[in-house]
């Protein structure tokens, strides 16, 4: 079971990523059995955005939280392009 500190870190991360320009939708997903992560997310991109640029923004947010809170969040990410 996740500790309260982990849940707060996950909540902070989700709060920050929801406002990234280029993201259409974010879903919390199950993490594959062979992956070690704190949370899994599926990101649907808006038309005209590339997953690489969104990934850079997601990583910046994770590092910012690490610098502020001293814990690095492990996030499993899947990307889905706008159709």
C-alpha atoms as a PDB file:
ATOM      1  CA  UNK A   1       0.000   0.000   0.000  1.00  0.00           C
ATOM      2  CA  UNK A   2       1.269   3.463  -0.870  1.00  0.00           C
ATOM      3  CA  UNK A   3       2.391   5.746   1.901  1.00  0.00           C
ATOM      4  CA  UNK A   4       0.698   9.107   2.350  1.00  0.00           C
ATOM      5  CA  UNK A   5       3.914  10.836   1.263  1.00  0.00           C
ATOM      6  CA  UNK A   6       3.825   8.891  -2.034  1.00  0.00           C
ATOM      7  CA  UNK A   7       0.169   9.757  -2.594  1.00  0.00           C
ATOM      8  CA  UNK A   8       0.885  13.455  -2.017  1.00  0.00           C
ATOM      9  CA  UNK A   9       3.777  13.338  -4.496  1.00  0.00           C
ATOM     10  CA  UNK A  10       1.593  11.606  -7.097  1.00  0.00           C
ATOM     11  CA  UNK A  11      -1.196  14.159  -6.533  1.00  0.00           C
ATOM     12  CA  UNK A  12       1.265  17.050  -6.944  1.00  0.00           C
ATOM     13  CA  UNK A  13       2.588  15.509 -10.172  1.00  0.00           C
ATOM     14  CA  UNK A  14      -0.888  14.956 -11.637  1.00  0.00           C
ATOM     15  CA  UNK A  15      -1.939  18.480 -10.688  1.00  0.00           C
ATOM     16  CA  UNK A  16       1.045  19.961 -12.527  1.00  0.00           C
ATOM     17  CA  UNK A  17       0.843  17.828 -15.678  1.00  0.00           C
ATOM     18  CA  UNK A  18      -2.853  18.410 -16.294  1.00  0.00           C
ATOM     19  CA  UNK A  19      -2.104  21.930 -17.518  1.00  0.00           C
ATOM     20  CA  UNK A  20       0.557  21.020 -20.084  1.00  0.00           C
ATOM     21  CA  UNK A  21      -0.265  22.478 -23.466  1.00  0.00           C
ATOM     22  CA  UNK A  22      -0.512  19.657 -25.983  1.00  0.00           C
ATOM     23  CA  UNK A  23      -2.194  17.104 -23.735  1.00  0.00           C
ATOM     24  CA  UNK A  24      -5.777  16.234 -24.661  1.00  0.00           C
ATOM     25  CA  UNK A  25      -6.428  13.691 -21.880  1.00  0.00           C
ATOM     26  CA  UNK A  26      -4.633  11.791 -19.115  1.00  0.00           C
ATOM     27  CA  UNK A  27      -5.762   8.433 -17.724  1.00  0.00           C
ATOM     28  CA  UNK A  28      -4.329   6.518 -14.802  1.00  0.00           C
ATOM     29  CA  UNK A  29      -3.565   2.977 -15.976  1.00  0.00           C
ATOM     30  CA  UNK A  30      -2.314  -0.276 -14.507  1.00  0.00           C
ATOM     31  CA  UNK A  31       1.438  -0.694 -14.522  1.00  0.00           C
ATOM     32  CA  UNK A  32       2.694  -3.751 -16.460  1.00  0.00           C
ATOM     33  CA  UNK A  33       3.930  -6.582 -14.243  1.00  0.00           C
ATOM     34  CA  UNK A  34       7.503  -6.253 -15.486  1.00  0.00           C
ATOM     35  CA  UNK A  35       7.720  -2.503 -14.735  1.00  0.00           C
ATOM     36  CA  UNK A  36       8.595  -0.909 -11.422  1.00  0.00           C
ATOM     37  CA  UNK A  37       6.819   2.442 -11.092  1.00  0.00           C
ATOM     38  CA  UNK A  38       4.761   4.463  -8.625  1.00  0.00           C
ATOM     39  CA  UNK A  39       1.987   5.287 -11.109  1.00  0.00           C
ATOM     40  CA  UNK A  40       1.048   4.546 -14.719  1.00  0.00           C
ATOM     41  CA  UNK A  41      -0.505   7.109 -17.045  1.00  0.00           C
ATOM     42  CA  UNK A  42      -1.748   7.116 -20.642  1.00  0.00           C
ATOM     43  CA  UNK A  43      -1.484  10.481 -22.340  1.00  0.00           C
ATOM     44  CA  UNK A  44      -3.551  11.432 -25.367  1.00  0.00           C
ATOM     45  CA  UNK A  45      -1.865  14.186 -27.346  1.00  0.00           C
ATOM     46  CA  UNK A  46      -3.566  17.041 -29.148  1.00  0.00           C
ATOM     47  CA  UNK A  47      -3.114  17.207 -32.897  1.00  0.00           C
ATOM     48  CA  UNK A  48       0.234  18.679 -33.905  1.00  0.00           C
ATOM     49  CA  UNK A  49       2.119  17.750 -30.739  1.00  0.00           C
ATOM     50  CA  UNK A  50       4.872  15.162 -30.541  1.00  0.00           C
ATOM     51  CA  UNK A  51       5.336  12.813 -27.625  1.00  0.00           C
ATOM     52  CA  UNK A  52       9.010  13.780 -27.298  1.00  0.00           C
ATOM     53  CA  UNK A  53       8.241  17.411 -26.463  1.00  0.00           C
ATOM     54  CA  UNK A  54       5.559  16.386 -23.953  1.00  0.00           C
ATOM     55  CA  UNK A  55       7.931  13.829 -22.412  1.00  0.00           C
ATOM     56  CA  UNK A  56      10.508  16.589 -21.861  1.00  0.00           C
ATOM     57  CA  UNK A  57       7.895  18.654 -20.011  1.00  0.00           C
ATOM     58  CA  UNK A  58       6.820  15.664 -17.904  1.00  0.00           C
ATOM     59  CA  UNK A  59      10.447  14.979 -16.958  1.00  0.00           C
ATOM     60  CA  UNK A  60      10.993  18.637 -16.041  1.00  0.00           C
ATOM     61  CA  UNK A  61       8.011  18.490 -13.695  1.00  0.00           C
ATOM     62  CA  UNK A  62       9.243  15.262 -12.083  1.00  0.00           C
ATOM     63  CA  UNK A  63      12.713  16.767 -11.509  1.00  0.00           C
ATOM     64  CA  UNK A  64      11.212  19.977 -10.121  1.00  0.00           C
ATOM     65  CA  UNK A  65       9.215  17.934  -7.605  1.00  0.00           C
ATOM     66  CA  UNK A  66      12.351  15.928  -6.755  1.00  0.00           C
ATOM     67  CA  UNK A  67      14.278  19.119  -6.048  1.00  0.00           C
ATOM     68  CA  UNK A  68      11.472  20.449  -3.819  1.00  0.00           C
ATOM     69  CA  UNK A  69      10.470  17.240  -2.020  1.00  0.00           C
ATOM     70  CA  UNK A  70      13.582  15.048  -2.176  1.00  0.00           C
ATOM     71  CA  UNK A  71      11.801  12.072  -3.742  1.00  0.00           C
ATOM     72  CA  UNK A  72      11.818  11.034  -7.369  1.00  0.00           C
ATOM     73  CA  UNK A  73       8.519   9.736  -8.713  1.00  0.00           C
ATOM     74  CA  UNK A  74       8.750   6.756 -11.065  1.00  0.00           C
ATOM     75  CA  UNK A  75       6.080   7.166 -13.735  1.00  0.00           C
ATOM     76  CA  UNK A  76       5.198   4.621 -16.426  1.00  0.00           C
ATOM     77  CA  UNK A  77       3.958   6.544 -19.467  1.00  0.00           C
ATOM     78  CA  UNK A  78       2.113   5.526 -22.624  1.00  0.00           C
ATOM     79  CA  UNK A  79       1.367   8.004 -25.407  1.00  0.00           C
ATOM     80  CA  UNK A  80      -1.573   8.091 -27.794  1.00  0.00           C
ATOM     81  CA  UNK A  81      -1.714  10.509 -30.737  1.00  0.00           C
ATOM     82  CA  UNK A  82      -4.830  12.532 -31.529  1.00  0.00           C
ATOM     83  CA  UNK A  83      -6.681  10.861 -34.403  1.00  0.00           C
END
